[in-house]
């Protein structure tokens, strides 16, 4: 099912974890989210994940990278 269909039909895959929800929404009563708000929340959620992954990549030393690649080859 496409991302658009999941969002329209309320698929759980598109719900944003509370940790990434906008500050004003953490303590607010539940109200229907607009399509635009849902897209904005998804973008913010994935941007945060990208920043975390970039930080991990940038902190890798050559020794750690070699070790991780060796572990991946083992299965």
Protein backbone atom coordinates (compact mmCIF):
# COMPACT_ATOMS: atom_id res chain seq x y z
CA UNK A 1 0.00 0.00 0.00
CA UNK A 2 1.37 3.42 -0.88
CA UNK A 3 2.22 6.03 1.73
CA UNK A 4 -0.70 8.18 0.58
CA UNK A 5 -3.17 5.31 0.95
CA UNK A 6 -1.81 4.48 4.40
CA UNK A 7 -2.28 8.06 5.53
CA UNK A 8 -5.77 8.37 4.08
CA UNK A 9 -6.90 5.07 5.59
CA UNK A 10 -5.16 5.71 8.89
CA UNK A 11 -2.42 3.11 8.64
CA UNK A 12 -0.39 2.77 11.82
CA UNK A 13 2.87 3.04 9.87
CA UNK A 14 2.29 6.77 9.43
CA UNK A 15 1.76 7.67 13.06
CA UNK A 16 4.53 9.79 14.52
CA UNK A 17 6.04 8.65 17.82
CA UNK A 18 5.17 11.09 20.63
CA UNK A 19 8.84 11.94 21.07
CA UNK A 20 8.81 13.58 17.61
CA UNK A 21 5.39 15.21 17.83
CA UNK A 22 5.31 19.01 17.93
CA UNK A 23 5.62 20.42 21.46
CA UNK A 24 2.09 21.77 21.47
CA UNK A 25 0.66 18.33 20.67
CA UNK A 26 2.24 16.34 23.50
CA UNK A 27 -0.28 17.46 26.13
CA UNK A 28 -3.15 18.48 23.84
CA UNK A 29 -6.40 16.62 23.56
CA UNK A 30 -6.55 14.39 20.52
CA UNK A 31 -7.88 16.09 17.42
CA UNK A 32 -7.80 14.95 13.82
CA UNK A 33 -4.55 15.87 12.11
CA UNK A 34 -4.70 17.54 8.73
CA UNK A 35 -2.94 15.93 5.81
CA UNK A 36 -0.42 18.80 5.71
CA UNK A 37 0.33 18.45 9.45
CA UNK A 38 0.84 14.71 9.08
CA UNK A 39 3.28 15.21 6.19
CA UNK A 40 5.17 17.88 8.14
CA UNK A 41 5.41 15.55 11.15
CA UNK A 42 6.70 12.70 8.99
CA UNK A 43 9.34 14.96 7.48
CA UNK A 44 10.47 16.13 10.94
CA UNK A 45 10.57 12.53 12.21
CA UNK A 46 12.71 11.33 9.31
CA UNK A 47 14.98 14.39 9.41
CA UNK A 48 15.72 13.61 13.06
CA UNK A 49 16.54 10.00 12.15
CA UNK A 50 18.83 11.22 9.33
CA UNK A 51 20.68 13.56 11.71
CA UNK A 52 21.21 10.69 14.16
CA UNK A 53 22.56 8.43 11.43
CA UNK A 54 24.84 11.17 10.11
CA UNK A 55 26.22 11.68 13.62
CA UNK A 56 26.98 7.96 13.91
CA UNK A 57 28.63 7.95 10.48
CA UNK A 58 30.74 10.99 11.31
CA UNK A 59 31.88 9.52 14.64
CA UNK A 60 33.13 6.23 13.15
CA UNK A 61 36.83 5.62 13.46
CA UNK A 62 38.53 3.46 10.82
CA UNK A 63 38.98 0.69 13.39
CA UNK A 64 35.29 0.62 14.34
CA UNK A 65 34.26 0.74 10.70
CA UNK A 66 36.52 -2.23 9.88
CA UNK A 67 35.13 -4.16 12.85
CA UNK A 68 31.49 -3.49 11.89
CA UNK A 69 32.14 -4.51 8.28
CA UNK A 70 33.77 -7.75 9.46
CA UNK A 71 30.75 -8.53 11.67
CA UNK A 72 28.40 -7.85 8.73
CA UNK A 73 30.34 -10.32 6.56
CA UNK A 74 29.94 -13.02 9.21
CA UNK A 75 26.20 -12.68 8.96
